[in-house]
């Protein structure tokens, strides 16, 4: 397990989903979140993913390409709104249109709904490499969340060592988080 994956798993292991919460697991076909957090047996989990995710342990309940913001034709409208909590873990590097994607996620959450989302900042291109598009600084992640109707409640750093490939680059002197390689964010829909 990579260091950033270990940091993610440590972050989510204490998250508790409440009784009767409706939970959306975005990109969860590969590693469903309901096996990795604490939750009530009465919570309802739904997975949103591509029609053919690159690796699938569990079939998605909702088929959607977040980059395009549309759902598979014939999707039950009851599956598209009213979520109390959404998890979007290890997905953001595959989003080439993060504004459309986050607006789509916001449309599915209730007002005051909570989004747990992970962002990589420094991380190598990984599989499926033809769909690995973007990385986000913590400042950039916060900006796109705010632009799409979220308030950032908490930012947790993903820490790593300075990448030797960047030797010779001049980091900002008035920025104190150069050991961050990504971030884990809890946000609330406004």
N, C-alpha and C. Protein backbone atom coordinates (compact mmCIF):
# COMPACT_ATOMS: atom_id res chain seq x y z
N UNK A 1 0.85 -1.18 0.00
CA UNK A 1 0.00 0.00 0.00
C UNK A 1 0.90 1.24 0.00
N UNK A 2 0.59 2.19 -0.88
CA UNK A 2 1.38 3.42 -0.95
C UNK A 2 1.16 4.25 0.32
N UNK A 3 2.09 5.15 0.56
CA UNK A 3 1.99 6.03 1.73
C UNK A 3 0.74 6.92 1.64
N UNK A 4 0.44 7.43 0.43
CA UNK A 4 -0.74 8.29 0.32
C UNK A 4 -2.03 7.47 0.49
N UNK A 5 -2.03 6.22 0.04
CA UNK A 5 -3.21 5.36 0.25
C UNK A 5 -3.38 5.08 1.74
N UNK A 6 -2.29 4.83 2.43
CA UNK A 6 -2.34 4.59 3.87
C UNK A 6 -2.89 5.81 4.60
N UNK A 7 -2.47 7.01 4.18
CA UNK A 7 -2.98 8.23 4.80
C UNK A 7 -4.49 8.37 4.55
N UNK A 8 -4.93 8.04 3.35
CA UNK A 8 -6.36 8.07 3.03
C UNK A 8 -7.14 7.10 3.91
N UNK A 9 -6.67 5.86 4.00
CA UNK A 9 -7.38 4.85 4.79
C UNK A 9 -7.44 5.24 6.27
N UNK A 10 -6.37 5.82 6.79
CA UNK A 10 -6.37 6.29 8.19
C UNK A 10 -7.36 7.43 8.38
N UNK A 11 -7.49 8.28 7.38
CA UNK A 11 -8.42 9.42 7.45
C UNK A 11 -9.86 8.96 7.46
N UNK A 12 -10.21 8.01 6.60
CA UNK A 12 -11.62 7.62 6.49
C UNK A 12 -12.06 6.60 7.53
N UNK A 13 -11.12 5.90 8.18
CA UNK A 13 -11.52 4.83 9.10
C UNK A 13 -12.35 5.33 10.28
N UNK A 14 -12.23 6.59 10.63
CA UNK A 14 -13.00 7.14 11.75
C UNK A 14 -14.27 7.86 11.31
N UNK A 15 -14.51 7.93 10.02
CA UNK A 15 -15.73 8.58 9.55
C UNK A 15 -16.90 7.66 9.84
N UNK A 16 -17.93 8.23 10.43
CA UNK A 16 -19.11 7.45 10.75
C UNK A 16 -20.31 8.00 9.99
N UNK A 17 -21.00 7.11 9.31
CA UNK A 17 -22.22 7.46 8.60
C UNK A 17 -23.39 7.14 9.51
N UNK A 18 -24.33 8.07 9.62
CA UNK A 18 -25.42 7.94 10.56
C UNK A 18 -26.55 7.02 10.13
N UNK A 19 -27.45 6.78 11.07
CA UNK A 19 -28.64 5.97 10.81
C UNK A 19 -29.43 6.55 9.65
N UNK A 20 -29.82 5.70 8.75
CA UNK A 20 -30.67 6.05 7.60
C UNK A 20 -30.05 7.06 6.64
N UNK A 21 -28.75 7.35 6.78
CA UNK A 21 -28.12 8.26 5.83
C UNK A 21 -28.10 7.62 4.45
N UNK A 22 -28.30 8.45 3.45
CA UNK A 22 -28.20 8.03 2.06
C UNK A 22 -26.80 8.45 1.60
N UNK A 23 -25.97 7.46 1.20
CA UNK A 23 -24.55 7.69 0.94
C UNK A 23 -24.23 7.38 -0.52
N UNK A 24 -23.51 8.29 -1.16
CA UNK A 24 -23.09 8.12 -2.54
C UNK A 24 -21.58 7.86 -2.56
N UNK A 25 -21.18 6.76 -3.18
CA UNK A 25 -19.78 6.37 -3.29
C UNK A 25 -19.36 6.56 -4.76
N UNK A 26 -18.71 7.69 -5.04
CA UNK A 26 -18.35 8.05 -6.41
C UNK A 26 -17.05 7.36 -6.79
N UNK A 27 -17.10 6.58 -7.85
CA UNK A 27 -15.93 5.81 -8.27
C UNK A 27 -15.69 4.60 -7.40
N UNK A 28 -16.71 4.17 -6.68
CA UNK A 28 -16.57 3.11 -5.69
C UNK A 28 -16.63 1.69 -6.21
N UNK A 29 -16.71 1.48 -7.51
CA UNK A 29 -16.79 0.11 -8.03
C UNK A 29 -15.54 -0.70 -7.73
N UNK A 30 -14.40 -0.03 -7.65
CA UNK A 30 -13.14 -0.73 -7.44
C UNK A 30 -12.92 -1.09 -5.97
N UNK A 31 -13.20 -0.16 -5.08
CA UNK A 31 -12.94 -0.37 -3.65
C UNK A 31 -14.06 0.33 -2.86
N UNK A 32 -15.22 -0.32 -2.73
CA UNK A 32 -16.37 0.32 -2.09
C UNK A 32 -16.05 0.86 -0.69
N UNK A 33 -16.52 2.07 -0.44
CA UNK A 33 -16.21 2.75 0.81
C UNK A 33 -16.94 2.13 2.01
N UNK A 34 -18.07 1.48 1.79
CA UNK A 34 -18.82 0.93 2.93
C UNK A 34 -18.06 -0.19 3.64
N UNK A 35 -17.01 -0.70 3.02
CA UNK A 35 -16.16 -1.72 3.67
C UNK A 35 -15.02 -1.08 4.45
N UNK A 36 -14.89 0.26 4.37
CA UNK A 36 -13.71 0.95 4.90
C UNK A 36 -14.02 2.01 5.95
N UNK A 37 -15.29 2.26 6.22
CA UNK A 37 -15.69 3.27 7.21
C UNK A 37 -16.61 2.62 8.23
N UNK A 38 -16.95 3.37 9.26
CA UNK A 38 -17.95 2.90 10.23
C UNK A 38 -19.31 3.43 9.79
N UNK A 39 -20.31 2.56 9.86
CA UNK A 39 -21.63 2.99 9.41
C UNK A 39 -22.71 2.19 10.10
N UNK A 40 -23.87 2.78 10.10
CA UNK A 40 -25.05 2.13 10.63
C UNK A 40 -25.57 1.12 9.61
N UNK A 41 -26.13 0.04 10.09
CA UNK A 41 -26.71 -0.97 9.19
C UNK A 41 -27.90 -0.42 8.41
N UNK A 42 -28.45 0.70 8.87
CA UNK A 42 -29.61 1.27 8.18
C UNK A 42 -29.21 2.31 7.13
N UNK A 43 -27.91 2.60 7.01
CA UNK A 43 -27.46 3.53 5.97
C UNK A 43 -27.65 2.87 4.60
N UNK A 44 -27.94 3.69 3.61
CA UNK A 44 -28.15 3.21 2.24
C UNK A 44 -26.97 3.68 1.39
N UNK A 45 -26.25 2.73 0.79
CA UNK A 45 -25.09 3.04 -0.04
C UNK A 45 -25.42 2.82 -1.50
N UNK A 46 -25.05 3.79 -2.35
CA UNK A 46 -25.16 3.66 -3.79
C UNK A 46 -23.81 4.02 -4.41
N UNK A 47 -23.42 3.26 -5.42
CA UNK A 47 -22.15 3.52 -6.12
C UNK A 47 -22.45 4.20 -7.45
N UNK A 48 -21.75 5.31 -7.70
CA UNK A 48 -21.79 5.99 -8.98
C UNK A 48 -20.44 5.76 -9.65
N UNK A 49 -20.46 5.29 -10.88
CA UNK A 49 -19.20 5.05 -11.59
C UNK A 49 -19.47 5.03 -13.08
N UNK A 50 -18.39 4.89 -13.83
CA UNK A 50 -18.49 4.74 -15.28
C UNK A 50 -19.19 3.42 -15.61
N UNK A 51 -19.70 3.33 -16.81
CA UNK A 51 -20.36 2.10 -17.23
C UNK A 51 -19.38 0.92 -17.16
N UNK A 52 -18.15 1.16 -17.56
CA UNK A 52 -17.12 0.13 -17.50
C UNK A 52 -15.91 0.70 -16.78
N UNK A 53 -15.92 0.68 -15.43
CA UNK A 53 -14.76 1.17 -14.69
C UNK A 53 -13.53 0.31 -15.04
N UNK A 54 -12.33 0.89 -14.84
CA UNK A 54 -11.13 0.16 -15.23
C UNK A 54 -10.91 -1.10 -14.39
N UNK A 55 -11.49 -1.16 -13.24
CA UNK A 55 -11.44 -2.36 -12.40
C UNK A 55 -12.73 -2.36 -11.60
N UNK A 56 -13.43 -3.46 -11.57
CA UNK A 56 -14.76 -3.46 -10.96
C UNK A 56 -14.92 -4.64 -10.01
N UNK A 57 -15.11 -4.32 -8.74
CA UNK A 57 -15.42 -5.33 -7.73
C UNK A 57 -16.93 -5.41 -7.56
N UNK A 58 -17.59 -4.25 -7.64
CA UNK A 58 -19.03 -4.16 -7.48
C UNK A 58 -19.59 -3.30 -8.61
N UNK A 59 -20.65 -3.77 -9.23
CA UNK A 59 -21.28 -3.02 -10.32
C UNK A 59 -21.87 -1.71 -9.77
N UNK A 60 -21.75 -0.62 -10.54
CA UNK A 60 -22.33 0.65 -10.09
C UNK A 60 -23.86 0.62 -10.11
N UNK A 61 -24.45 1.34 -9.16
CA UNK A 61 -25.91 1.51 -9.13
C UNK A 61 -26.33 2.63 -10.07
N UNK A 62 -25.43 3.60 -10.25
CA UNK A 62 -25.69 4.77 -11.08
C UNK A 62 -24.53 4.89 -12.06
N UNK A 63 -24.84 4.96 -13.34
CA UNK A 63 -23.79 5.09 -14.35
C UNK A 63 -23.75 6.55 -14.80
N UNK A 64 -22.54 7.13 -14.67
CA UNK A 64 -22.38 8.54 -15.00
C UNK A 64 -20.92 8.82 -15.33
N UNK A 65 -20.70 9.60 -16.39
CA UNK A 65 -19.38 10.14 -16.66
C UNK A 65 -19.39 11.56 -16.09
N UNK A 66 -18.74 11.75 -14.95
CA UNK A 66 -18.76 13.05 -14.29
C UNK A 66 -18.15 14.16 -15.14
N UNK A 67 -17.23 13.82 -16.03
CA UNK A 67 -16.65 14.84 -16.89
C UNK A 67 -17.68 15.46 -17.82
N UNK A 68 -18.71 14.70 -18.14
CA UNK A 68 -19.74 15.18 -19.04
C UNK A 68 -21.01 15.59 -18.30
N UNK A 69 -21.14 15.14 -17.04
CA UNK A 69 -22.26 15.55 -16.21
C UNK A 69 -23.60 14.97 -16.59
N UNK A 70 -23.63 13.84 -17.29
CA UNK A 70 -24.92 13.25 -17.58
C UNK A 70 -24.94 11.78 -17.16
N UNK A 71 -26.16 11.32 -16.91
CA UNK A 71 -26.39 9.98 -16.40
C UNK A 71 -26.89 9.08 -17.52
N UNK A 72 -26.73 7.78 -17.30
CA UNK A 72 -27.24 6.82 -18.27
C UNK A 72 -28.74 7.03 -18.46
N UNK A 73 -29.17 6.97 -19.70
CA UNK A 73 -30.58 7.15 -20.01
C UNK A 73 -31.41 6.11 -19.25
N UNK A 74 -32.50 6.56 -18.70
CA UNK A 74 -33.38 5.66 -17.96
C UNK A 74 -33.03 5.49 -16.49
N UNK A 75 -32.06 6.26 -15.99
CA UNK A 75 -31.69 6.17 -14.58
C UNK A 75 -32.86 6.62 -13.72
N UNK A 76 -33.15 5.86 -12.68
CA UNK A 76 -34.22 6.19 -11.74
C UNK A 76 -33.94 7.56 -11.13
N UNK A 77 -34.83 8.54 -11.31
CA UNK A 77 -34.61 9.89 -10.76
C UNK A 77 -34.41 9.89 -9.24
N UNK A 78 -34.96 8.92 -8.54
CA UNK A 78 -34.79 8.84 -7.09
C UNK A 78 -33.34 8.56 -6.69
N UNK A 79 -32.54 8.04 -7.62
CA UNK A 79 -31.13 7.77 -7.35
C UNK A 79 -30.26 9.00 -7.55
N UNK A 80 -30.81 10.08 -8.08
CA UNK A 80 -30.00 11.21 -8.50
C UNK A 80 -29.97 12.38 -7.51
N UNK A 81 -30.74 12.31 -6.45
CA UNK A 81 -30.76 13.42 -5.48
C UNK A 81 -30.96 12.89 -4.07
N UNK A 82 -30.77 13.80 -3.11
CA UNK A 82 -31.13 13.51 -1.72
C UNK A 82 -30.07 12.80 -0.90
N UNK A 83 -28.81 12.85 -1.32
CA UNK A 83 -27.75 12.18 -0.55
C UNK A 83 -27.30 13.05 0.61
N UNK A 84 -27.09 12.39 1.74
CA UNK A 84 -26.60 13.08 2.94
C UNK A 84 -25.08 13.20 2.92
N UNK A 85 -24.43 12.18 2.37
CA UNK A 85 -22.97 12.09 2.37
C UNK A 85 -22.52 11.56 1.01
N UNK A 86 -21.41 12.11 0.50
CA UNK A 86 -20.80 11.58 -0.72
C UNK A 86 -19.30 11.40 -0.47
N UNK A 87 -18.77 10.33 -1.01
CA UNK A 87 -17.34 10.06 -0.99
C UNK A 87 -16.85 10.09 -2.42
N UNK A 88 -15.79 10.84 -2.67
CA UNK A 88 -15.17 10.89 -3.99
C UNK A 88 -13.66 10.70 -3.74
N UNK A 89 -13.27 9.43 -3.64
CA UNK A 89 -11.92 9.10 -3.21
C UNK A 89 -11.09 8.57 -4.37
N UNK A 90 -9.94 9.19 -4.58
CA UNK A 90 -8.98 8.79 -5.62
C UNK A 90 -9.60 8.83 -7.01
N UNK A 91 -10.43 9.84 -7.24
CA UNK A 91 -11.12 10.01 -8.52
C UNK A 91 -10.68 11.30 -9.23
N UNK A 92 -10.31 12.32 -8.48
CA UNK A 92 -10.14 13.65 -9.07
C UNK A 92 -9.07 13.72 -10.15
N UNK A 93 -8.06 12.87 -10.11
CA UNK A 93 -7.05 12.91 -11.17
C UNK A 93 -7.60 12.45 -12.51
N UNK A 94 -8.76 11.81 -12.51
CA UNK A 94 -9.40 11.36 -13.74
C UNK A 94 -10.43 12.35 -14.28
N UNK A 95 -10.56 13.49 -13.64
CA UNK A 95 -11.55 14.49 -14.05
C UNK A 95 -10.88 15.57 -14.89
N UNK A 96 -11.19 15.61 -16.17
CA UNK A 96 -10.64 16.67 -17.02
C UNK A 96 -11.53 17.91 -16.99
N UNK A 97 -12.75 17.80 -16.48
CA UNK A 97 -13.63 18.95 -16.31
C UNK A 97 -14.15 18.96 -14.86
N UNK A 98 -13.30 19.38 -13.92
CA UNK A 98 -13.68 19.30 -12.51
C UNK A 98 -14.88 20.16 -12.14
N UNK A 99 -15.11 21.25 -12.85
CA UNK A 99 -16.27 22.11 -12.54
C UNK A 99 -17.56 21.35 -12.83
N UNK A 100 -17.67 20.78 -14.02
CA UNK A 100 -18.87 20.00 -14.37
C UNK A 100 -19.03 18.84 -13.38
N UNK A 101 -17.95 18.16 -13.08
CA UNK A 101 -18.01 17.00 -12.17
C UNK A 101 -18.50 17.41 -10.79
N UNK A 102 -17.92 18.45 -10.22
CA UNK A 102 -18.32 18.86 -8.87
C UNK A 102 -19.71 19.49 -8.83
N UNK A 103 -20.12 20.16 -9.89
CA UNK A 103 -21.50 20.65 -9.96
C UNK A 103 -22.48 19.48 -9.99
N UNK A 104 -22.13 18.41 -10.70
CA UNK A 104 -22.97 17.22 -10.74
C UNK A 104 -23.07 16.58 -9.36
N UNK A 105 -21.94 16.48 -8.67
CA UNK A 105 -21.95 15.92 -7.31
C UNK A 105 -22.80 16.79 -6.40
N UNK A 106 -22.63 18.11 -6.48
CA UNK A 106 -23.41 19.03 -5.64
C UNK A 106 -24.91 18.86 -5.90
N UNK A 107 -25.29 18.63 -7.15
CA UNK A 107 -26.72 18.48 -7.47
C UNK A 107 -27.32 17.24 -6.82
N UNK A 108 -26.48 16.28 -6.49
CA UNK A 108 -26.98 15.03 -5.90
C UNK A 108 -27.06 15.08 -4.38
N UNK A 109 -26.36 16.03 -3.77
CA UNK A 109 -26.36 16.15 -2.31
C UNK A 109 -27.49 17.05 -1.82
N UNK A 110 -27.99 16.73 -0.63
CA UNK A 110 -28.93 17.63 0.05
C UNK A 110 -28.19 18.90 0.46
N UNK A 111 -28.93 19.96 0.72
CA UNK A 111 -28.33 21.15 1.31
C UNK A 111 -27.69 20.73 2.63
N UNK A 112 -26.49 21.20 2.88
CA UNK A 112 -25.70 20.85 4.08
C UNK A 112 -25.14 19.43 4.00
N UNK A 113 -25.31 18.75 2.86
CA UNK A 113 -24.72 17.43 2.68
C UNK A 113 -23.21 17.51 2.72
N UNK A 114 -22.58 16.41 3.13
CA UNK A 114 -21.13 16.38 3.32
C UNK A 114 -20.45 15.61 2.20
N UNK A 115 -19.35 16.18 1.70
CA UNK A 115 -18.53 15.54 0.69
C UNK A 115 -17.14 15.28 1.27
N UNK A 116 -16.69 14.04 1.19
CA UNK A 116 -15.32 13.67 1.53
C UNK A 116 -14.63 13.39 0.20
N UNK A 117 -13.55 14.14 -0.07
CA UNK A 117 -12.91 14.06 -1.38
C UNK A 117 -11.40 14.10 -1.23
N UNK A 118 -10.72 13.31 -2.05
CA UNK A 118 -9.25 13.26 -2.01
C UNK A 118 -8.67 13.89 -3.28
N UNK A 119 -7.53 14.53 -3.10
CA UNK A 119 -6.81 15.16 -4.20
C UNK A 119 -5.34 14.80 -4.13
N UNK A 120 -4.77 14.48 -5.27
CA UNK A 120 -3.32 14.34 -5.39
C UNK A 120 -2.77 15.65 -5.92
N UNK A 121 -1.57 15.98 -5.50
CA UNK A 121 -0.86 17.16 -5.97
C UNK A 121 0.41 16.69 -6.68
N UNK A 122 1.20 15.90 -6.00
CA UNK A 122 2.40 15.32 -6.58
C UNK A 122 2.24 13.81 -6.52
N UNK A 123 2.07 13.21 -7.69
CA UNK A 123 1.86 11.76 -7.76
C UNK A 123 2.13 11.35 -9.20
N UNK A 124 2.80 10.24 -9.42
CA UNK A 124 3.09 9.85 -10.80
C UNK A 124 1.84 9.47 -11.57
N UNK A 125 1.93 9.56 -12.88
CA UNK A 125 0.85 9.09 -13.74
C UNK A 125 0.66 7.61 -13.46
N UNK A 126 -0.59 7.19 -13.35
CA UNK A 126 -0.87 5.79 -13.04
C UNK A 126 -2.04 5.29 -13.89
N UNK A 127 -2.28 4.00 -13.82
CA UNK A 127 -3.29 3.36 -14.67
C UNK A 127 -4.70 3.67 -14.23
N UNK A 128 -5.60 3.74 -15.20
CA UNK A 128 -5.34 3.70 -16.63
C UNK A 128 -4.76 5.03 -17.10
N UNK A 129 -3.53 4.99 -17.59
CA UNK A 129 -2.77 6.20 -17.90
C UNK A 129 -3.44 7.09 -18.93
N UNK A 130 -4.23 6.53 -19.83
CA UNK A 130 -4.89 7.35 -20.85
C UNK A 130 -6.03 8.19 -20.28
N UNK A 131 -6.38 7.98 -19.01
CA UNK A 131 -7.44 8.76 -18.36
C UNK A 131 -6.95 9.52 -17.13
N UNK A 132 -5.64 9.54 -16.91
CA UNK A 132 -5.05 10.25 -15.77
C UNK A 132 -4.72 11.66 -16.24
N UNK A 133 -5.54 12.67 -15.81
CA UNK A 133 -5.48 14.00 -16.40
C UNK A 133 -4.84 15.09 -15.55
N UNK A 134 -5.27 15.25 -14.31
CA UNK A 134 -4.93 16.47 -13.57
C UNK A 134 -4.46 16.18 -12.14
N UNK A 135 -3.73 17.14 -11.60
CA UNK A 135 -3.35 17.16 -10.19
C UNK A 135 -3.78 18.51 -9.62
N UNK A 136 -4.01 18.57 -8.32
CA UNK A 136 -4.55 19.78 -7.72
C UNK A 136 -3.74 20.21 -6.51
N UNK A 137 -3.34 21.46 -6.47
CA UNK A 137 -2.76 22.01 -5.25
C UNK A 137 -3.89 22.15 -4.24
N UNK A 138 -3.58 22.21 -2.95
CA UNK A 138 -4.64 22.44 -1.96
C UNK A 138 -5.41 23.74 -2.24
N UNK A 139 -4.71 24.76 -2.70
CA UNK A 139 -5.36 26.04 -3.01
C UNK A 139 -6.31 25.86 -4.19
N UNK A 140 -5.88 25.12 -5.21
CA UNK A 140 -6.73 24.85 -6.37
C UNK A 140 -7.94 24.00 -6.02
N UNK A 141 -7.73 22.98 -5.18
CA UNK A 141 -8.84 22.12 -4.76
C UNK A 141 -9.90 22.94 -4.02
N UNK A 142 -9.45 23.79 -3.12
CA UNK A 142 -10.38 24.63 -2.36
C UNK A 142 -11.15 25.57 -3.30
N UNK A 143 -10.46 26.14 -4.27
CA UNK A 143 -11.09 27.08 -5.20
C UNK A 143 -12.18 26.40 -6.03
N UNK A 144 -11.90 25.20 -6.59
CA UNK A 144 -12.93 24.57 -7.42
C UNK A 144 -14.10 24.07 -6.57
N UNK A 145 -13.84 23.69 -5.33
CA UNK A 145 -14.95 23.30 -4.45
C UNK A 145 -15.84 24.52 -4.15
N UNK A 146 -15.23 25.63 -3.82
CA UNK A 146 -16.01 26.84 -3.53
C UNK A 146 -16.78 27.31 -4.75
N UNK A 147 -16.17 27.23 -5.91
CA UNK A 147 -16.83 27.67 -7.16
C UNK A 147 -18.04 26.81 -7.50
N UNK A 148 -18.07 25.58 -7.01
CA UNK A 148 -19.15 24.65 -7.36
C UNK A 148 -20.16 24.45 -6.23
N UNK A 149 -20.16 25.36 -5.24
CA UNK A 149 -21.21 25.34 -4.23
C UNK A 149 -20.88 24.63 -2.94
N UNK A 150 -19.59 24.47 -2.64
CA UNK A 150 -19.18 23.82 -1.40
C UNK A 150 -18.43 24.78 -0.51
N UNK A 151 -18.53 24.54 0.78
CA UNK A 151 -17.71 25.22 1.77
C UNK A 151 -16.73 24.19 2.31
N UNK A 152 -15.44 24.50 2.25
CA UNK A 152 -14.43 23.58 2.79
C UNK A 152 -14.47 23.68 4.31
N UNK A 153 -14.69 22.55 4.95
CA UNK A 153 -14.79 22.48 6.41
C UNK A 153 -13.43 22.13 7.01
N UNK A 154 -12.70 21.24 6.35
CA UNK A 154 -11.44 20.75 6.90
C UNK A 154 -10.55 20.26 5.77
N UNK A 155 -9.26 20.61 5.85
CA UNK A 155 -8.27 20.09 4.90
C UNK A 155 -7.21 19.34 5.68
N UNK A 156 -7.00 18.09 5.31
CA UNK A 156 -5.97 17.25 5.93
C UNK A 156 -4.88 17.01 4.90
N UNK A 157 -3.61 17.28 5.26
CA UNK A 157 -2.55 17.09 4.29
C UNK A 157 -2.24 15.62 4.04
N UNK A 158 -1.84 15.34 2.82
CA UNK A 158 -1.20 14.07 2.47
C UNK A 158 0.28 14.43 2.37
N UNK A 159 1.06 13.86 3.25
CA UNK A 159 2.46 14.27 3.37
C UNK A 159 3.39 13.32 2.64
N UNK A 160 4.47 13.88 2.12
CA UNK A 160 5.48 13.09 1.44
C UNK A 160 6.79 13.84 1.50
N UNK A 161 7.77 13.30 0.86
CA UNK A 161 9.08 13.94 0.81
C UNK A 161 9.21 14.72 -0.48
N UNK A 162 10.05 15.74 -0.45
CA UNK A 162 10.29 16.55 -1.63
C UNK A 162 10.77 15.65 -2.75
N UNK A 163 10.19 15.82 -3.90
CA UNK A 163 10.50 14.99 -5.06
C UNK A 163 11.84 15.41 -5.66
N UNK A 164 12.83 14.52 -5.69
CA UNK A 164 14.15 14.91 -6.21
C UNK A 164 14.11 15.30 -7.69
N UNK A 165 13.07 14.89 -8.44
CA UNK A 165 12.97 15.29 -9.84
C UNK A 165 12.76 16.80 -9.95
N UNK A 166 12.34 17.43 -8.87
CA UNK A 166 12.07 18.86 -8.91
C UNK A 166 13.26 19.67 -8.41
N UNK A 167 14.36 19.02 -8.16
CA UNK A 167 15.55 19.70 -7.68
C UNK A 167 15.88 20.86 -8.61
N UNK A 168 16.19 21.99 -8.05
CA UNK A 168 16.52 23.16 -8.85
C UNK A 168 15.34 24.09 -9.06
N UNK A 169 14.12 23.61 -8.82
CA UNK A 169 12.96 24.49 -8.93
C UNK A 169 12.91 25.37 -7.69
N UNK A 170 12.35 26.53 -7.82
CA UNK A 170 12.32 27.48 -6.71
C UNK A 170 10.95 27.52 -6.07
N UNK A 171 10.79 26.85 -4.92
CA UNK A 171 9.49 26.88 -4.24
C UNK A 171 9.22 28.25 -3.62
N UNK A 172 7.97 28.59 -3.48
CA UNK A 172 7.56 29.84 -2.86
C UNK A 172 8.08 29.89 -1.42
N UNK A 173 8.71 30.97 -1.06
CA UNK A 173 9.26 31.10 0.30
C UNK A 173 8.19 31.34 1.35
N UNK A 174 7.06 31.92 0.95
CA UNK A 174 6.03 32.23 1.94
C UNK A 174 4.91 31.19 1.97
N UNK A 175 5.21 30.00 1.49
CA UNK A 175 4.27 28.87 1.52
C UNK A 175 4.90 27.80 2.40
N UNK A 176 4.19 27.41 3.46
CA UNK A 176 4.79 26.54 4.47
C UNK A 176 4.41 25.07 4.35
N UNK A 177 3.85 24.67 3.24
CA UNK A 177 3.36 23.29 3.12
C UNK A 177 4.01 22.53 1.97
N UNK A 178 5.30 22.70 1.80
CA UNK A 178 5.99 22.05 0.69
C UNK A 178 6.11 20.54 0.86
N UNK A 179 5.78 20.02 2.02
CA UNK A 179 5.81 18.56 2.21
C UNK A 179 4.45 17.92 1.87
N UNK A 180 3.47 18.73 1.48
CA UNK A 180 2.17 18.20 1.07
C UNK A 180 2.29 17.62 -0.33
N UNK A 181 1.78 16.42 -0.53
CA UNK A 181 1.72 15.82 -1.86
C UNK A 181 0.27 15.68 -2.33
N UNK A 182 -0.63 16.15 -1.52
CA UNK A 182 -2.05 16.10 -1.82
C UNK A 182 -2.83 16.51 -0.58
N UNK A 183 -4.15 16.37 -0.66
CA UNK A 183 -4.95 16.71 0.50
C UNK A 183 -6.25 15.91 0.50
N UNK A 184 -6.79 15.79 1.68
CA UNK A 184 -8.07 15.12 1.92
C UNK A 184 -9.00 16.20 2.48
N UNK A 185 -10.15 16.34 1.87
CA UNK A 185 -11.01 17.48 2.22
C UNK A 185 -12.40 17.00 2.63
N UNK A 186 -12.87 17.59 3.70
CA UNK A 186 -14.27 17.47 4.08
C UNK A 186 -14.91 18.80 3.72
N UNK A 187 -15.97 18.75 2.92
CA UNK A 187 -16.67 19.96 2.49
C UNK A 187 -18.16 19.79 2.71
N UNK A 188 -18.84 20.91 2.76
CA UNK A 188 -20.30 20.90 2.97
C UNK A 188 -20.94 21.66 1.82
N UNK A 189 -22.03 21.10 1.31
CA UNK A 189 -22.78 21.78 0.25
C UNK A 189 -23.52 22.96 0.86
N UNK A 190 -23.38 24.10 0.21
CA UNK A 190 -24.08 25.30 0.70
C UNK A 190 -25.52 25.31 0.25
